[in-house]
């Protein structure tokens, strides 16, 4: 699913920020199907170095936990 979102972003010649949005939507959908929303999200893509920067979602500056709330 993520590869498909990236192919669509590339075909549409989308800016990097939209690539992140597309990937994060796929991650959101997969987590919702598991009734969880705690995984990291794509923050940036660096084409030059071929790297991706991920960030943890947080509440009050602390990473979200899978179960039991904050």
N, C-alpha and C. Protein backbone atom coordinates (compact mmCIF):
# COMPACT_ATOMS: atom_id res chain seq x y z
N UNK A 1 0.80 -1.18 0.00
CA UNK A 1 0.00 0.00 0.00
C UNK A 1 0.86 1.27 0.00
N UNK A 2 1.95 1.26 0.78
CA UNK A 2 2.81 2.43 0.81
C UNK A 2 3.49 2.62 -0.53
N UNK A 3 3.94 1.52 -1.13
CA UNK A 3 4.58 1.61 -2.45
C UNK A 3 3.62 2.19 -3.47
N UNK A 4 2.37 1.80 -3.40
CA UNK A 4 1.35 2.32 -4.32
C UNK A 4 1.16 3.82 -4.12
N UNK A 5 1.11 4.26 -2.87
CA UNK A 5 0.95 5.69 -2.58
C UNK A 5 2.14 6.48 -3.12
N UNK A 6 3.34 5.92 -3.00
CA UNK A 6 4.53 6.59 -3.52
C UNK A 6 4.54 6.63 -5.04
N UNK A 7 4.12 5.55 -5.68
CA UNK A 7 4.03 5.55 -7.15
C UNK A 7 3.05 6.60 -7.64
N UNK A 8 1.91 6.72 -6.95
CA UNK A 8 0.91 7.73 -7.33
C UNK A 8 1.46 9.14 -7.14
N UNK A 9 2.18 9.37 -6.06
CA UNK A 9 2.77 10.69 -5.81
C UNK A 9 3.80 11.03 -6.87
N UNK A 10 4.60 10.04 -7.26
CA UNK A 10 5.61 10.26 -8.29
C UNK A 10 4.95 10.53 -9.64
N UNK A 11 3.93 9.78 -9.98
CA UNK A 11 3.24 9.97 -11.25
C UNK A 11 2.58 11.34 -11.33
N UNK A 12 2.10 11.84 -10.18
CA UNK A 12 1.44 13.15 -10.14
C UNK A 12 2.44 14.29 -10.00
N UNK A 13 3.74 13.94 -9.90
CA UNK A 13 4.80 14.94 -9.71
C UNK A 13 4.50 15.82 -8.49
N UNK A 14 4.10 15.15 -7.41
CA UNK A 14 3.72 15.84 -6.17
C UNK A 14 4.94 16.37 -5.43
N UNK A 15 4.76 17.48 -4.70
CA UNK A 15 5.86 17.98 -3.85
C UNK A 15 6.11 17.00 -2.70
N UNK A 16 7.31 17.07 -2.11
CA UNK A 16 7.68 16.14 -1.04
C UNK A 16 6.68 16.13 0.11
N UNK A 17 6.15 17.29 0.46
CA UNK A 17 5.20 17.35 1.58
C UNK A 17 3.96 16.51 1.30
N UNK A 18 3.54 16.46 0.04
CA UNK A 18 2.38 15.64 -0.30
C UNK A 18 2.72 14.16 -0.24
N UNK A 19 3.97 13.81 -0.56
CA UNK A 19 4.39 12.42 -0.43
C UNK A 19 4.21 11.97 1.01
N UNK A 20 4.63 12.81 1.94
CA UNK A 20 4.50 12.49 3.36
C UNK A 20 3.03 12.31 3.74
N UNK A 21 2.19 13.20 3.28
CA UNK A 21 0.76 13.10 3.57
C UNK A 21 0.18 11.80 3.05
N UNK A 22 0.55 11.42 1.83
CA UNK A 22 0.03 10.19 1.24
C UNK A 22 0.47 8.96 2.03
N UNK A 23 1.74 8.92 2.42
CA UNK A 23 2.25 7.79 3.20
C UNK A 23 1.58 7.75 4.57
N UNK A 24 1.44 8.90 5.21
CA UNK A 24 0.83 8.94 6.53
C UNK A 24 -0.64 8.53 6.50
N UNK A 25 -1.34 8.83 5.42
CA UNK A 25 -2.73 8.37 5.29
C UNK A 25 -2.80 6.86 5.22
N UNK A 26 -1.86 6.24 4.50
CA UNK A 26 -1.82 4.77 4.44
C UNK A 26 -1.54 4.20 5.83
N UNK A 27 -0.59 4.80 6.55
CA UNK A 27 -0.29 4.34 7.91
C UNK A 27 -1.50 4.49 8.82
N UNK A 28 -2.21 5.63 8.70
CA UNK A 28 -3.42 5.84 9.51
C UNK A 28 -4.46 4.76 9.24
N UNK A 29 -4.70 4.48 7.97
CA UNK A 29 -5.71 3.47 7.61
C UNK A 29 -5.35 2.10 8.17
N UNK A 30 -4.08 1.73 8.08
CA UNK A 30 -3.70 0.40 8.58
C UNK A 30 -3.82 0.34 10.09
N UNK A 31 -3.48 1.41 10.79
CA UNK A 31 -3.62 1.42 12.24
C UNK A 31 -5.09 1.41 12.66
N UNK A 32 -5.94 2.13 11.92
CA UNK A 32 -7.36 2.14 12.25
C UNK A 32 -7.94 0.73 12.11
N UNK A 33 -7.47 -0.02 11.12
CA UNK A 33 -7.97 -1.38 10.96
C UNK A 33 -7.56 -2.28 12.12
N UNK A 34 -6.49 -1.90 12.83
CA UNK A 34 -6.03 -2.64 14.01
C UNK A 34 -6.56 -2.03 15.31
N UNK A 35 -7.35 -0.96 15.19
CA UNK A 35 -7.89 -0.22 16.33
C UNK A 35 -6.76 0.33 17.21
N UNK A 36 -5.72 0.82 16.56
CA UNK A 36 -4.59 1.41 17.27
C UNK A 36 -4.08 2.58 16.43
N UNK A 37 -3.47 3.54 17.08
CA UNK A 37 -2.90 4.69 16.37
C UNK A 37 -1.70 5.19 17.15
N UNK A 38 -0.60 4.50 17.03
CA UNK A 38 0.55 4.85 17.85
C UNK A 38 1.86 4.90 17.09
N UNK A 39 1.90 4.45 15.87
CA UNK A 39 3.16 4.34 15.15
C UNK A 39 3.73 5.67 14.70
N UNK A 40 4.99 5.64 14.31
CA UNK A 40 5.63 6.86 13.81
C UNK A 40 5.03 7.30 12.49
N UNK A 41 5.31 8.54 12.12
CA UNK A 41 4.83 9.10 10.87
C UNK A 41 6.00 9.65 10.08
N UNK A 42 5.84 9.67 8.78
CA UNK A 42 6.86 10.21 7.89
C UNK A 42 6.87 11.72 8.01
N UNK A 43 8.05 12.28 8.34
CA UNK A 43 8.17 13.72 8.51
C UNK A 43 8.80 14.38 7.30
N UNK A 44 9.74 13.69 6.64
CA UNK A 44 10.44 14.28 5.50
C UNK A 44 11.11 13.19 4.68
N UNK A 45 11.31 13.51 3.42
CA UNK A 45 12.04 12.63 2.50
C UNK A 45 13.19 13.44 1.92
N UNK A 46 14.38 12.86 1.93
CA UNK A 46 15.55 13.51 1.35
C UNK A 46 15.97 12.72 0.12
N UNK A 47 15.59 13.22 -1.05
CA UNK A 47 15.90 12.53 -2.30
C UNK A 47 17.41 12.40 -2.53
N UNK A 48 18.15 13.42 -2.16
CA UNK A 48 19.60 13.44 -2.41
C UNK A 48 20.31 12.30 -1.70
N UNK A 49 19.94 12.06 -0.44
CA UNK A 49 20.61 11.00 0.31
C UNK A 49 19.83 9.69 0.31
N UNK A 50 18.60 9.74 -0.18
CA UNK A 50 17.77 8.53 -0.21
C UNK A 50 17.30 8.11 1.18
N UNK A 51 17.07 9.09 2.04
CA UNK A 51 16.63 8.77 3.40
C UNK A 51 15.25 9.35 3.69
N UNK A 52 14.64 8.77 4.69
CA UNK A 52 13.35 9.26 5.18
C UNK A 52 13.49 9.57 6.66
N UNK A 53 12.87 10.63 7.10
CA UNK A 53 12.89 11.01 8.51
C UNK A 53 11.52 10.68 9.08
N UNK A 54 11.52 9.89 10.14
CA UNK A 54 10.28 9.52 10.79
C UNK A 54 10.20 10.26 12.13
N UNK A 55 8.97 10.49 12.60
CA UNK A 55 8.78 11.11 13.92
C UNK A 55 7.65 10.39 14.63
N UNK A 56 7.77 10.29 15.95
CA UNK A 56 6.71 9.68 16.75
C UNK A 56 5.62 10.70 16.96
N UNK A 57 4.40 10.23 16.89
CA UNK A 57 3.29 11.09 17.26
C UNK A 57 3.30 11.18 18.78
N UNK A 58 2.92 12.32 19.30
CA UNK A 58 2.98 12.48 20.75
C UNK A 58 1.82 13.30 21.27
N UNK A 59 1.66 13.19 22.55
CA UNK A 59 0.70 14.00 23.27
C UNK A 59 1.43 14.50 24.50
N UNK A 60 1.43 15.78 24.72
CA UNK A 60 2.15 16.39 25.85
C UNK A 60 3.64 16.06 25.78
N UNK A 61 4.17 15.94 24.57
CA UNK A 61 5.60 15.71 24.41
C UNK A 61 6.06 14.30 24.66
N UNK A 62 5.13 13.37 24.86
CA UNK A 62 5.48 11.97 25.10
C UNK A 62 4.92 11.11 23.98
N UNK A 63 5.69 10.12 23.52
CA UNK A 63 5.16 9.24 22.47
C UNK A 63 3.88 8.55 22.91
N UNK A 64 2.96 8.36 21.99
CA UNK A 64 1.72 7.65 22.30
C UNK A 64 2.03 6.19 22.60
N UNK A 65 1.26 5.59 23.47
CA UNK A 65 1.41 4.18 23.80
C UNK A 65 0.32 3.38 23.12
N UNK A 66 0.60 2.13 22.83
CA UNK A 66 -0.35 1.30 22.11
C UNK A 66 -1.63 1.05 22.90
N UNK A 67 -1.51 0.84 24.19
CA UNK A 67 -2.68 0.52 25.00
C UNK A 67 -2.63 1.30 26.30
N UNK A 68 -3.76 1.59 26.86
CA UNK A 68 -3.82 2.21 28.17
C UNK A 68 -3.80 3.72 28.18
N UNK A 69 -3.82 4.36 27.01
CA UNK A 69 -3.86 5.81 26.97
C UNK A 69 -2.59 6.44 27.48
N UNK A 70 -2.69 7.69 27.88
CA UNK A 70 -1.54 8.44 28.39
C UNK A 70 -1.44 8.28 29.86
